[in-house]
Amino acid sequence: MMKNIHSVWQQKKWKLILAASILTAGTAPALLSPHVVEAATNHKPTAYINNIPASYDVVIRQGVTYVALTELQFLGNYTFGYNNKTKEISIQTDRDKYILAPNTKTITKNGQTATLAAAPILVNGKAMLPLRAIGDAFGAQVSWNQAAKEAYIYQTDTALVKAYNGNDLVTAREAAIHLPRFSKLGQPRLELREERGDVDSTTAYIFEQGKKDRFFINENNNLISYYEVKNGQALLKWQANLGNGSGTLGDLFFVKTKPYAEAGTRPSLAGKTIVSFRYSLMAEETSYTVTNKAGSVAEGAAVPSKGSIFVNVPDEK
């Protein structure tokens, strides 16, 4: 089950594979630069559907949050159609068929009608659904984060939660990075400033040795995000944009460049040993490095299970 879940993720968003690190308790004050304030001021509302960023802007009108209809593709096997004569939108799944229309609250599911809390709208020819309607009509869980200006649309995967709670560390880590993610920064998140293609992008997953319940996400050594796993959710607690100049970042000893923006509360790695994982799309293998503040302790590489990223590290419990 875990392999299938990760395989779907890879097919849809390889460029969004991120770096993760498991840490321990202990924090240091975050440094909030003017870059963070600027990002928070100009940030547009966005949505995450099963952790995948929406392709289109989120629209807010009269207090109602709207998401593009086609974003539902990340919830499952949906196909869409539009009848120009009747002005009706059709949504087809393996089992169900939905019919709805812009500016009307009526929705039909397999011939049975129901009333939505708000009507769908058209924006520049794009059908937009109210956030709450997606939850009510399609069985997804939805929420709106005003501070982050983010909408979350997700489905709870019991198999994923079970895998995370299991005793196999490799499987649990794989599950941890795919649990539903929610921002706790108290502001819009920072952005990746250096986009690269699938082959050129670099990612590293760094866990505290023997642990699974906290992780960093590091993209291209430019954007680092730190999550803590609680109650089947991954909570974003801290981020930093890294510059090009050499430097340090508190006791996060794996960071070798100075940040130019931070958000949230910086975690601590004082006295800890970490395991860093990097998956190579070209080589189809995962390299790992065991590191502490003094430097590298051990390193190696292995081919992960199909559709997975993490591998066993010798002597790690």
Protein backbone atom coordinates (compact mmCIF):
# COMPACT_ATOMS: atom_id res chain seq x y z
CA MET A 1 0.00 0.00 0.00
CA MET A 2 2.82 2.38 0.87
CA LYS A 3 4.52 1.79 -2.47
CA ASN A 4 1.38 2.64 -4.42
CA ILE A 5 0.84 5.84 -2.46
CA HIS A 6 4.36 7.05 -3.08
CA SER A 7 4.32 6.05 -6.72
CA VAL A 8 1.29 8.29 -7.34
CA TRP A 9 3.03 11.16 -5.59
CA GLN A 10 6.13 10.74 -7.78
CA GLN A 11 4.13 10.68 -10.99
CA LYS A 12 2.24 13.87 -10.18
CA LYS A 13 4.87 16.05 -8.50
CA TRP A 14 8.45 14.80 -8.71
CA LYS A 15 9.72 18.36 -8.48
CA LEU A 16 7.99 18.75 -5.12
CA ILE A 17 9.97 15.95 -3.39
CA LEU A 18 11.51 17.72 -0.43
CA ALA A 19 14.13 17.31 2.26
CA ALA A 20 13.16 16.25 5.77
CA SER A 21 14.82 16.07 9.18
CA ILE A 22 13.73 14.61 12.49
CA LEU A 23 14.84 16.66 15.45
CA THR A 24 14.45 16.74 19.21
CA ALA A 25 12.87 19.20 21.57
CA GLY A 26 14.51 22.56 22.21
CA THR A 27 14.15 25.83 20.35
CA ALA A 28 15.97 29.08 19.72
CA PRO A 29 14.36 32.40 18.80
CA ALA A 30 13.61 32.76 15.11
CA LEU A 31 15.12 35.64 13.14
CA LEU A 32 12.35 37.40 11.24
CA SER A 33 13.83 39.53 8.49
CA PRO A 34 12.11 42.17 6.28
CA HIS A 35 11.97 39.49 3.55
CA VAL A 36 9.49 37.56 5.69
CA VAL A 37 7.29 40.59 6.25
CA GLU A 38 7.28 41.38 2.53
CA ALA A 39 6.35 37.81 1.66
CA ALA A 40 3.49 37.87 4.13
CA THR A 41 2.15 41.16 2.76
CA ASN A 42 2.17 40.20 -0.95
CA HIS A 43 1.31 36.54 -0.67
CA LYS A 44 -1.69 35.36 -2.69
CA PRO A 45 -4.10 32.81 -1.21
CA THR A 46 -3.31 29.28 -2.31
CA ALA A 47 -4.54 25.73 -1.77
CA TYR A 48 -2.95 22.35 -1.12
CA ILE A 49 -4.75 19.24 -2.32
CA ASN A 50 -3.32 16.12 -0.68
CA ASN A 51 -0.15 18.19 -0.13
CA ILE A 52 0.13 19.20 -3.80
CA PRO A 53 0.06 22.98 -4.43
CA ALA A 54 -2.90 24.14 -6.49
CA SER A 55 -2.19 24.99 -10.12
CA TYR A 56 -4.55 27.98 -10.06
CA ASP A 57 -5.05 30.90 -7.72
CA VAL A 58 -7.55 30.64 -4.90
CA VAL A 59 -10.37 33.19 -5.15
CA ILE A 60 -12.12 34.77 -2.15
CA ARG A 61 -15.44 36.56 -2.74
CA GLN A 62 -17.81 37.79 -0.07
CA GLY A 63 -16.07 35.67 2.53
CA VAL A 64 -16.31 32.45 0.47
CA THR A 65 -13.12 30.66 -0.60
CA TYR A 66 -13.15 29.13 -4.09
CA VAL A 67 -10.78 26.56 -5.62
CA ALA A 68 -10.55 25.59 -9.29
CA LEU A 69 -12.68 22.57 -10.12
CA THR A 70 -9.85 20.76 -11.89
CA GLU A 71 -7.80 20.69 -8.68
CA LEU A 72 -10.02 17.75 -7.69
CA GLN A 73 -7.79 15.58 -9.90
CA PHE A 74 -5.40 15.31 -6.94
CA LEU A 75 -8.14 13.74 -4.82
CA GLY A 76 -8.68 10.79 -7.12
CA ASN A 77 -9.52 9.61 -10.61
CA TYR A 78 -11.82 12.45 -11.71
CA THR A 79 -12.74 13.44 -15.27
CA PHE A 80 -14.46 16.70 -16.13
CA GLY A 81 -16.78 17.95 -18.83
CA TYR A 82 -18.76 21.05 -19.76
CA ASN A 83 -21.99 21.17 -21.78
CA ASN A 84 -22.01 24.54 -23.50
CA LYS A 85 -25.69 24.16 -24.39
CA THR A 86 -27.00 23.42 -20.90
CA LYS A 87 -24.14 25.27 -19.13
CA GLU A 88 -23.66 22.24 -16.90
CA ILE A 89 -20.44 20.91 -15.45
CA SER A 90 -20.04 17.13 -15.17
CA ILE A 91 -17.62 15.32 -12.86
CA GLN A 92 -17.14 11.60 -13.31
CA THR A 93 -15.40 9.10 -11.03
CA ASP A 94 -15.21 5.32 -11.22
CA ARG A 95 -18.45 5.07 -9.22
CA ASP A 96 -20.17 8.46 -9.18
CA LYS A 97 -21.34 11.18 -11.52
CA TYR A 98 -21.94 14.77 -10.41
CA ILE A 99 -23.77 17.51 -12.29
CA LEU A 100 -23.61 21.17 -11.22
CA ALA A 101 -23.74 24.58 -12.82
CA PRO A 102 -22.24 28.02 -12.16
CA ASN A 103 -24.29 30.39 -9.99
CA THR A 104 -26.62 27.69 -8.68
CA LYS A 105 -26.39 25.84 -5.38
CA THR A 106 -27.98 22.66 -6.71
CA ILE A 107 -25.74 19.63 -7.25
CA THR A 108 -26.81 16.21 -8.53
CA LYS A 109 -24.99 13.06 -7.53
CA ASN A 110 -26.06 9.88 -9.33
CA GLY A 111 -29.47 11.44 -9.95
CA GLN A 112 -29.99 12.60 -6.35
CA THR A 113 -30.06 16.37 -5.79
CA ALA A 114 -28.57 18.28 -2.88
CA THR A 115 -27.96 21.92 -2.00
CA LEU A 116 -24.51 23.43 -1.61
CA ALA A 117 -23.70 26.11 0.97
CA ALA A 118 -22.55 28.40 -1.87
CA ALA A 119 -22.82 28.23 -5.65
CA PRO A 120 -19.89 27.53 -8.00
CA ILE A 121 -18.69 30.50 -10.05
CA LEU A 122 -16.80 31.14 -13.28
CA VAL A 123 -13.59 33.19 -13.13
CA ASN A 124 -11.98 33.96 -16.49
CA GLY A 125 -13.76 30.92 -17.91
CA LYS A 126 -12.52 28.66 -15.12
CA ALA A 127 -15.07 26.84 -12.97
CA MET A 128 -14.42 27.48 -9.26
CA LEU A 129 -15.95 25.47 -6.41
CA PRO A 130 -16.55 26.73 -2.87
CA LEU A 131 -14.09 25.14 -0.47
CA ARG A 132 -16.81 23.84 1.83
CA ALA A 133 -18.73 22.35 -1.10
CA ILE A 134 -15.72 20.21 -1.97
CA GLY A 135 -15.85 18.70 1.50
CA ASP A 136 -19.61 18.26 1.53
CA ALA A 137 -20.00 16.84 -1.97
CA PHE A 138 -16.79 14.88 -2.51
CA GLY A 139 -16.04 13.52 0.93
CA ALA A 140 -12.80 15.42 1.42
CA GLN A 141 -11.69 17.20 4.57
CA VAL A 142 -11.22 20.94 4.10
CA SER A 143 -9.96 23.83 6.20
CA TRP A 144 -8.84 27.44 5.75
CA ASN A 145 -5.76 28.93 7.43
CA GLN A 146 -6.29 32.69 7.58
CA ALA A 147 -2.80 33.52 8.89
CA ALA A 148 -1.09 31.50 6.15
CA LYS A 149 -3.76 32.31 3.53
CA GLU A 150 -3.93 28.62 2.66
CA ALA A 151 -6.76 26.22 1.97
CA TYR A 152 -6.23 22.52 2.73
CA ILE A 153 -8.14 19.79 0.93
CA TYR A 154 -7.17 16.26 1.86
CA GLN A 155 -8.31 12.71 2.47
CA THR A 156 -7.28 10.81 5.57
CA ASP A 157 -5.46 7.63 4.52
CA THR A 158 -5.74 5.04 7.27
CA ALA A 159 -3.09 2.87 5.62
CA LEU A 160 -0.66 5.78 5.72
CA VAL A 161 -1.34 6.43 9.40
CA LYS A 162 -0.95 2.73 10.17
CA ALA A 163 2.38 2.65 8.32
CA TYR A 164 3.63 5.65 10.28
CA ASN A 165 2.62 4.08 13.59
CA GLY A 166 4.28 0.76 12.73
CA ASN A 167 7.63 -0.53 13.96
CA ASP A 168 9.48 -0.45 10.64
CA LEU A 169 11.53 2.77 10.62
CA VAL A 170 11.99 2.93 6.84
CA THR A 171 8.24 2.56 6.20
CA ALA A 172 7.36 5.00 8.99
CA ARG A 173 9.65 7.69 7.57
CA GLU A 174 8.16 7.19 4.13
CA ALA A 175 4.70 7.68 5.62
CA ALA A 176 5.76 10.72 7.66
CA ILE A 177 6.59 12.86 4.62
CA HIS A 178 3.22 12.04 3.01
CA LEU A 179 0.94 12.77 5.96
CA PRO A 180 -1.34 15.81 5.50
CA ARG A 181 0.69 18.99 6.01
CA PHE A 182 -0.53 22.14 7.70
CA SER A 183 1.24 25.43 8.37
CA LYS A 184 1.69 26.66 11.94
CA LEU A 185 3.97 29.56 10.99
CA GLY A 186 1.38 32.24 11.76
CA GLN A 187 2.09 33.88 8.38
CA PRO A 188 2.32 32.89 4.70
CA ARG A 189 5.11 30.43 4.09
CA LEU A 190 8.39 31.37 2.41
CA GLU A 191 8.92 30.54 -1.24
CA LEU A 192 11.54 28.59 -3.13
CA ARG A 193 13.66 31.21 -4.92
CA GLU A 194 15.61 28.81 -7.13
CA GLU A 195 13.45 26.56 -9.30
CA ARG A 196 15.15 23.66 -11.10
CA GLY A 197 14.06 20.82 -13.33
CA ASP A 198 13.33 17.33 -12.04
CA VAL A 199 16.82 16.04 -12.84
CA ASP A 200 18.75 19.08 -11.59
CA SER A 201 16.84 19.64 -8.36
CA THR A 202 18.42 18.38 -5.14
CA THR A 203 16.64 17.18 -2.04
CA ALA A 204 17.76 15.73 1.28
CA TYR A 205 15.77 13.97 3.95
CA ILE A 206 17.46 14.31 7.34
CA PHE A 207 16.13 12.46 10.35
CA GLU A 208 17.44 12.36 13.85
CA GLN A 209 19.09 9.00 14.19
CA GLY A 210 16.49 6.32 14.93
CA LYS A 211 13.54 8.77 14.86
CA LYS A 212 10.56 9.52 12.61
CA ASP A 213 8.44 12.21 14.28
CA ARG A 214 10.08 15.41 13.01
CA PHE A 215 11.53 16.36 9.65
CA PHE A 216 13.02 19.12 7.56
CA ILE A 217 12.22 19.76 3.94
CA ASN A 218 15.23 21.19 2.06
CA GLU A 219 14.88 22.16 -1.59
CA ASN A 220 17.96 23.00 -3.65
CA ASN A 221 19.73 24.19 -0.50
CA ASN A 222 17.56 27.30 -0.82
CA LEU A 223 14.39 26.63 1.14
CA ILE A 224 14.37 24.58 4.34
CA SER A 225 11.09 23.69 6.06
CA TYR A 226 10.73 21.97 9.42
CA TYR A 227 7.73 19.81 10.36
CA GLU A 228 6.61 18.02 13.51
CA VAL A 229 4.27 15.04 13.24
CA LYS A 230 1.31 15.02 15.64
CA ASN A 231 -1.99 13.14 15.49
CA GLY A 232 -1.47 11.95 11.94
CA GLN A 233 -0.56 15.40 10.61
CA ALA A 234 2.73 17.07 9.69
CA LEU A 235 2.80 20.61 11.12
CA LEU A 236 5.04 23.22 9.51
CA LYS A 237 6.81 25.03 12.36
CA TRP A 238 9.78 26.82 10.77
CA GLN A 239 11.27 27.83 7.43
CA ALA A 240 14.39 29.56 6.17
CA ASN A 241 15.61 30.84 2.81
CA LEU A 242 19.34 30.30 2.43
CA GLY A 243 21.68 32.60 0.57
CA ASN A 244 25.02 31.95 -1.12
CA GLY A 245 27.38 33.19 1.60
CA SER A 246 28.98 30.69 3.95
CA GLY A 247 27.84 30.77 7.55
CA THR A 248 25.95 28.94 10.27
CA LEU A 249 22.35 28.74 11.42
CA GLY A 250 22.22 28.25 15.18
CA ASP A 251 22.99 24.63 16.05
CA LEU A 252 21.59 23.29 12.78
CA PHE A 253 25.05 22.05 11.90
CA PHE A 254 24.05 20.60 8.53
CA VAL A 255 23.34 24.14 7.23
CA LYS A 256 26.50 25.76 5.84
CA THR A 257 25.10 29.03 4.43
CA LYS A 258 23.58 32.12 5.99
CA PRO A 259 19.80 32.61 5.83
CA TYR A 260 18.31 35.82 4.50
CA ALA A 261 14.80 35.12 5.77
CA GLU A 262 13.24 32.99 8.50
CA ALA A 263 9.70 32.32 9.67
CA GLY A 264 8.44 30.49 12.73
CA THR A 265 10.53 29.16 15.62
CA ARG A 266 13.90 27.65 14.76
CA PRO A 267 14.35 24.09 16.11
CA SER A 268 17.50 22.73 17.73
CA LEU A 269 19.87 19.88 16.91
CA ALA A 270 22.15 20.38 19.90
CA GLY A 271 23.89 17.14 20.84
CA LYS A 272 22.12 15.12 18.14
CA THR A 273 23.20 12.79 15.36
CA ILE A 274 21.27 12.94 12.10
CA VAL A 275 20.86 10.74 9.04
CA SER A 276 20.58 12.51 5.70
CA PHE A 277 18.98 10.79 2.67
CA ARG A 278 19.27 11.92 -0.95
CA TYR A 279 17.47 10.11 -3.73
CA SER A 280 18.99 10.24 -7.23
CA LEU A 281 16.45 10.05 -10.01
CA MET A 282 19.19 9.31 -12.55
CA ALA A 283 20.91 6.57 -10.53
CA GLU A 284 17.65 5.32 -8.99
CA GLU A 285 19.35 4.91 -5.63
CA THR A 286 19.40 6.66 -2.26
CA SER A 287 22.63 7.84 -0.66
CA TYR A 288 22.79 8.42 3.08
CA THR A 289 25.17 10.18 5.46
CA VAL A 290 25.26 9.89 9.24
CA THR A 291 26.46 13.19 10.70
CA ASN A 292 26.92 15.01 14.01
CA LYS A 293 28.38 18.39 14.86
CA ALA A 294 31.94 17.02 14.60
CA GLY A 295 31.36 15.82 11.03
CA SER A 296 30.48 12.74 9.00
CA VAL A 297 30.29 9.45 10.93
CA ALA A 298 29.32 7.04 8.13
CA GLU A 299 27.94 7.05 4.60
CA GLY A 300 26.67 4.67 1.97
CA ALA A 301 24.08 4.09 -0.76
CA ALA A 302 21.36 1.55 -1.51
CA VAL A 303 18.50 0.96 -3.92
CA PRO A 304 15.17 1.61 -2.16
CA SER A 305 12.02 -0.41 -2.65
CA LYS A 306 10.13 0.49 -5.81
CA GLY A 307 8.30 3.78 -5.40
CA SER A 308 10.14 4.59 -2.15
CA ILE A 309 12.95 6.90 -1.10
CA PHE A 310 14.24 5.72 2.25
CA VAL A 311 16.59 2.80 2.87
CA ASN A 312 17.94 0.93 5.86
CA VAL A 313 21.01 2.42 7.51
CA PRO A 314 23.33 -0.14 9.13
CA ASP A 315 23.25 -0.17 12.95
CA GLU A 316 20.37 2.34 13.07
CA LYS A 317 17.58 1.29 15.43
